[in-house]
Protein backbone atom coordinates (compact mmCIF):
# COMPACT_ATOMS: atom_id res chain seq x y z
CA UNK A 1 -5.37 25.60 11.28
CA UNK A 2 -3.34 28.40 12.78
CA UNK A 3 0.25 27.90 13.82
CA UNK A 4 2.29 30.43 15.71
CA UNK A 5 6.05 30.06 15.45
CA UNK A 6 8.09 30.80 18.56
CA UNK A 7 11.74 31.43 19.26
CA UNK A 8 12.21 27.71 19.87
CA UNK A 9 11.09 27.05 16.27
CA UNK A 10 13.59 29.63 15.06
CA UNK A 11 16.36 27.94 17.06
CA UNK A 12 15.46 24.55 15.62
CA UNK A 13 15.51 25.97 12.10
CA UNK A 14 18.82 27.76 12.62
CA UNK A 15 20.63 25.01 14.55
CA UNK A 16 19.03 21.71 13.56
CA UNK A 17 21.17 18.83 14.75
CA UNK A 18 23.16 20.87 17.27
CA UNK A 19 22.93 20.33 21.01
CA UNK A 20 21.15 23.06 22.97
CA UNK A 21 18.37 23.51 25.43
CA UNK A 22 15.98 26.37 26.03
CA UNK A 23 13.79 27.72 28.75
CA UNK A 24 11.12 30.32 28.21
CA UNK A 25 13.60 33.19 28.50
CA UNK A 26 16.17 33.96 25.78
CA UNK A 27 18.86 34.94 28.26
CA UNK A 28 18.84 31.48 29.84
CA UNK A 29 19.64 29.71 26.56
CA UNK A 30 22.37 27.14 27.22
CA UNK A 31 24.68 25.76 24.53
CA UNK A 32 26.21 22.31 24.80
CA UNK A 33 28.65 22.86 21.96
CA UNK A 34 31.11 25.69 22.45
CA UNK A 35 31.86 25.89 18.72
CA UNK A 36 28.42 27.39 18.08
CA UNK A 37 27.98 31.11 18.33
CA UNK A 38 24.86 31.96 20.27
CA UNK A 39 22.46 33.78 17.95
CA UNK A 40 21.35 37.25 18.85
CA UNK A 41 17.79 37.80 19.89
CA UNK A 42 17.33 39.83 16.68
CA UNK A 43 18.48 36.83 14.60
CA UNK A 44 16.00 34.61 16.39
CA UNK A 45 13.16 37.08 15.94
CA UNK A 46 14.02 37.41 12.23
CA UNK A 47 14.02 33.61 11.81
CA UNK A 48 10.77 33.39 13.76
CA UNK A 49 9.18 35.91 11.35
CA UNK A 50 10.57 34.01 8.35
CA UNK A 51 9.04 30.75 9.59
CA UNK A 52 5.71 32.42 10.36
CA UNK A 53 5.59 34.11 6.95
CA UNK A 54 6.36 30.83 5.17
CA UNK A 55 3.63 29.05 7.16
CA UNK A 56 1.09 31.79 6.52
CA UNK A 57 1.90 31.89 2.78
CA UNK A 58 0.57 28.35 2.29
CA UNK A 59 -2.53 28.66 4.47
CA UNK A 60 -4.65 28.33 1.33
CA UNK A 61 -3.13 24.88 0.71
CA UNK A 62 -4.12 23.66 4.17
CA UNK A 63 -7.61 25.10 3.74
CA UNK A 64 -8.02 23.42 0.35
CA UNK A 65 -6.80 20.08 1.70
CA UNK A 66 -9.44 20.18 4.44
CA UNK A 67 -12.18 21.14 1.97
CA UNK A 68 -11.57 18.52 -0.72
CA UNK A 69 -13.37 15.20 -0.31
CA UNK A 70 -11.23 12.13 0.40
CA UNK A 71 -9.44 10.49 -2.54
CA UNK A 72 -11.86 7.58 -2.74
CA UNK A 73 -14.80 9.92 -3.17
CA UNK A 74 -12.93 11.96 -5.77
CA UNK A 75 -11.89 8.89 -7.76
CA UNK A 76 -15.45 7.59 -7.68
CA UNK A 77 -16.66 10.96 -8.95
CA UNK A 78 -14.11 10.88 -11.78
CA UNK A 79 -15.13 7.31 -12.68
CA UNK A 80 -18.83 8.19 -12.89
CA UNK A 81 -18.61 11.75 -14.26
CA UNK A 82 -15.22 12.20 -15.94
CA UNK A 83 -12.26 14.40 -15.19
CA UNK A 84 -13.70 17.58 -16.68
CA UNK A 85 -16.81 17.36 -14.48
CA UNK A 86 -14.61 16.59 -11.45
CA UNK A 87 -12.57 19.73 -12.13
CA UNK A 88 -15.63 21.97 -12.53
CA UNK A 89 -17.68 20.45 -9.68
CA UNK A 90 -15.04 19.66 -7.06
CA UNK A 91 -11.68 21.27 -7.77
CA UNK A 92 -12.61 24.69 -9.14
CA UNK A 93 -15.08 25.66 -6.37
CA UNK A 94 -12.48 24.89 -3.69
CA UNK A 95 -9.79 26.82 -5.57
CA UNK A 96 -12.18 29.76 -5.94
CA UNK A 97 -13.03 29.64 -2.22
CA UNK A 98 -9.35 29.53 -1.19
CA UNK A 99 -7.39 31.31 -3.95
CA UNK A 100 -3.63 31.16 -4.15
CA UNK A 101 -2.19 34.52 -3.06
CA UNK A 102 -0.22 36.41 -5.66
């Protein structure tokens, strides 16, 4: 599942809980609280990159979660085959398919 972070995501991350509104153009950003300094476009782009990098860094986790069987199936497998067999037959192949980046 791909996710692309935009400037609006960067604004939310930088100013969560503050009052502001946004259109599709940075220059038309309107602040409702005068005590907030409007971020520069460079700050927003840097935050956008930070959010995107953090999202991309855990892509393997999302891929693994989609690949694993549901919990009921896994628990049934453990009950009938044991934890060691569950690890070798279910967990390890998924981890090998979607390795954690170093």
